[in-house]
Amino acid sequence: MTAKGANTDSAEQSTATKAEPKRINVAVSPDTVRALENVIEREGVTLTEALRRLVGYGDFVYRAVREDREQLIVKGSEGSREVVLL
């Protein structure tokens, strides 16, 4: 039972994180395979973990640009660049 007006987001999130993983079967492009292999090599993780990380990164960028209407700037040793999703 929650108090009126209480924030229930944390309760909903903890339920969602406790949900059983869902197994999916997908066909991916050669570019996607290379991206996964790159993460596996650089970070020394399993295929499953590499996929989780790339999906998480992609979700972050997608939500920032599409839902929040934010700009993403990538800064590196050679300067910075704007990330645009079309």
C-alpha atoms as a PDB file:
ATOM      1  CA  MET A   1       0.000   0.000   0.000  1.00  0.00           C
ATOM      2  CA  THR A   2       1.360   3.422  -0.897  1.00  0.00           C
ATOM      3  CA  ALA A   3       0.474   6.860   0.369  1.00  0.00           C
ATOM      4  CA  LYS A   4      -1.526   9.112  -1.914  1.00  0.00           C
ATOM      5  CA  GLY A   5       0.813  10.915  -4.269  1.00  0.00           C
ATOM      6  CA  ALA A   6       3.753   8.687  -3.360  1.00  0.00           C
ATOM      7  CA  ASN A   7       6.270   7.959  -6.099  1.00  0.00           C
ATOM      8  CA  THR A   8       5.740   4.363  -7.227  1.00  0.00           C
ATOM      9  CA  ASP A   9       8.402   4.445  -9.966  1.00  0.00           C
ATOM     10  CA  SER A  10      11.017   2.755  -7.777  1.00  0.00           C
ATOM     11  CA  ALA A  11       8.608  -0.071  -6.917  1.00  0.00           C
ATOM     12  CA  GLU A  12       7.766  -0.552 -10.586  1.00  0.00           C
ATOM     13  CA  GLN A  13      11.446  -0.500 -11.545  1.00  0.00           C
ATOM     14  CA  SER A  14      12.420  -3.086  -8.936  1.00  0.00           C
ATOM     15  CA  THR A  15       9.659  -5.366 -10.236  1.00  0.00           C
ATOM     16  CA  ALA A  16      10.882  -4.894 -13.801  1.00  0.00           C
ATOM     17  CA  THR A  17      14.498  -5.656 -12.890  1.00  0.00           C
ATOM     18  CA  LYS A  18      13.442  -8.854 -11.107  1.00  0.00           C
ATOM     19  CA  ALA A  19      11.591 -10.105 -14.188  1.00  0.00           C
ATOM     20  CA  GLU A  20      12.995 -13.215 -15.793  1.00  0.00           C
ATOM     21  CA  PRO A  21      15.195 -12.619 -18.850  1.00  0.00           C
ATOM     22  CA  LYS A  22      13.471 -13.209 -22.162  1.00  0.00           C
ATOM     23  CA  ARG A  23      15.245 -15.372 -24.698  1.00  0.00           C
ATOM     24  CA  ILE A  24      15.038 -14.069 -28.256  1.00  0.00           C
ATOM     25  CA  ASN A  25      16.309 -15.398 -31.546  1.00  0.00           C
ATOM     26  CA  VAL A  26      17.313 -12.787 -34.123  1.00  0.00           C
ATOM     27  CA  ALA A  27      19.228 -12.572 -37.376  1.00  0.00           C
ATOM     28  CA  VAL A  28      21.789  -9.755 -37.385  1.00  0.00           C
ATOM     29  CA  SER A  29      23.740  -8.066 -40.151  1.00  0.00           C
ATOM     30  CA  PRO A  30      27.488  -8.535 -40.638  1.00  0.00           C
ATOM     31  CA  ASP A  31      27.991  -4.981 -39.321  1.00  0.00           C
ATOM     32  CA  THR A  32      26.211  -5.919 -36.104  1.00  0.00           C
ATOM     33  CA  VAL A  33      28.350  -9.044 -35.742  1.00  0.00           C
ATOM     34  CA  ARG A  34      31.481  -6.905 -36.157  1.00  0.00           C
ATOM     35  CA  ALA A  35      30.226  -4.436 -33.535  1.00  0.00           C
ATOM     36  CA  LEU A  36      29.601  -7.302 -31.109  1.00  0.00           C
ATOM     37  CA  GLU A  37      33.023  -8.831 -31.815  1.00  0.00           C
ATOM     38  CA  ASN A  38      34.627  -5.431 -31.221  1.00  0.00           C
ATOM     39  CA  VAL A  39      33.059  -5.150 -27.758  1.00  0.00           C
ATOM     40  CA  ILE A  40      33.963  -8.766 -26.950  1.00  0.00           C
ATOM     41  CA  GLU A  41      37.625  -8.183 -27.886  1.00  0.00           C
ATOM     42  CA  ARG A  42      38.026  -4.776 -26.247  1.00  0.00           C
ATOM     43  CA  GLU A  43      36.170  -5.496 -23.037  1.00  0.00           C
ATOM     44  CA  GLY A  44      36.708  -9.240 -22.652  1.00  0.00           C
ATOM     45  CA  VAL A  45      33.023 -10.018 -22.162  1.00  0.00           C
ATOM     46  CA  THR A  46      30.689 -12.718 -23.421  1.00  0.00           C
ATOM     47  CA  LEU A  47      28.523 -12.356 -26.507  1.00  0.00           C
ATOM     48  CA  THR A  48      25.465 -11.942 -24.294  1.00  0.00           C
ATOM     49  CA  GLU A  49      27.088  -9.179 -22.251  1.00  0.00           C
ATOM     50  CA  ALA A  50      28.343  -7.421 -25.401  1.00  0.00           C
ATOM     51  CA  LEU A  51      24.804  -7.435 -26.776  1.00  0.00           C
ATOM     52  CA  ARG A  52      23.412  -6.094 -23.491  1.00  0.00           C
ATOM     53  CA  ARG A  53      25.940  -3.256 -23.484  1.00  0.00           C
ATOM     54  CA  LEU A  54      25.352  -2.243 -27.082  1.00  0.00           C
ATOM     55  CA  VAL A  55      21.588  -2.313 -26.645  1.00  0.00           C
ATOM     56  CA  GLY A  56      21.955  -0.236 -23.472  1.00  0.00           C
ATOM     57  CA  TYR A  57      24.164   2.325 -25.217  1.00  0.00           C
ATOM     58  CA  GLY A  58      21.798   2.457 -28.154  1.00  0.00           C
ATOM     59  CA  ASP A  59      18.782   2.891 -25.892  1.00  0.00           C
ATOM     60  CA  PHE A  60      20.519   5.749 -24.066  1.00  0.00           C
ATOM     61  CA  VAL A  61      21.329   7.575 -27.291  1.00  0.00           C
ATOM     62  CA  TYR A  62      17.908   6.892 -28.809  1.00  0.00           C
ATOM     63  CA  ARG A  63      16.002   8.189 -25.785  1.00  0.00           C
ATOM     64  CA  ALA A  64      18.216  11.253 -25.398  1.00  0.00           C
ATOM     65  CA  VAL A  65      17.754  12.314 -29.000  1.00  0.00           C
ATOM     66  CA  ARG A  66      14.233  11.103 -29.808  1.00  0.00           C
ATOM     67  CA  GLU A  67      12.349  11.425 -26.549  1.00  0.00           C
ATOM     68  CA  ASP A  68      14.177  14.175 -24.689  1.00  0.00           C
ATOM     69  CA  ARG A  69      15.095  16.177 -27.799  1.00  0.00           C
ATOM     70  CA  GLU A  70      18.645  16.580 -26.534  1.00  0.00           C
ATOM     71  CA  GLN A  71      21.832  16.934 -28.526  1.00  0.00           C
ATOM     72  CA  LEU A  72      24.677  14.520 -27.938  1.00  0.00           C
ATOM     73  CA  ILE A  73      28.220  15.758 -28.317  1.00  0.00           C
ATOM     74  CA  VAL A  74      31.060  13.230 -28.501  1.00  0.00           C
ATOM     75  CA  LYS A  75      34.367  14.665 -27.315  1.00  0.00           C
ATOM     76  CA  GLY A  76      37.654  13.017 -28.127  1.00  0.00           C
ATOM     77  CA  SER A  77      41.310  13.746 -28.669  1.00  0.00           C
ATOM     78  CA  GLU A  78      40.590  15.057 -32.163  1.00  0.00           C
ATOM     79  CA  GLY A  79      37.846  17.462 -31.074  1.00  0.00           C
ATOM     80  CA  SER A  80      34.114  17.042 -30.724  1.00  0.00           C
ATOM     81  CA  ARG A  81      31.235  16.067 -32.982  1.00  0.00           C
ATOM     82  CA  GLU A  82      27.482  16.112 -32.736  1.00  0.00           C
ATOM     83  CA  VAL A  83      25.532  12.839 -32.834  1.00  0.00           C
ATOM     84  CA  VAL A  84      22.369  13.078 -34.908  1.00  0.00           C
ATOM     85  CA  LEU A  85      19.728  10.381 -35.313  1.00  0.00           C
ATOM     86  CA  LEU A  86      17.517  10.668 -38.350  1.00  0.00           C
END
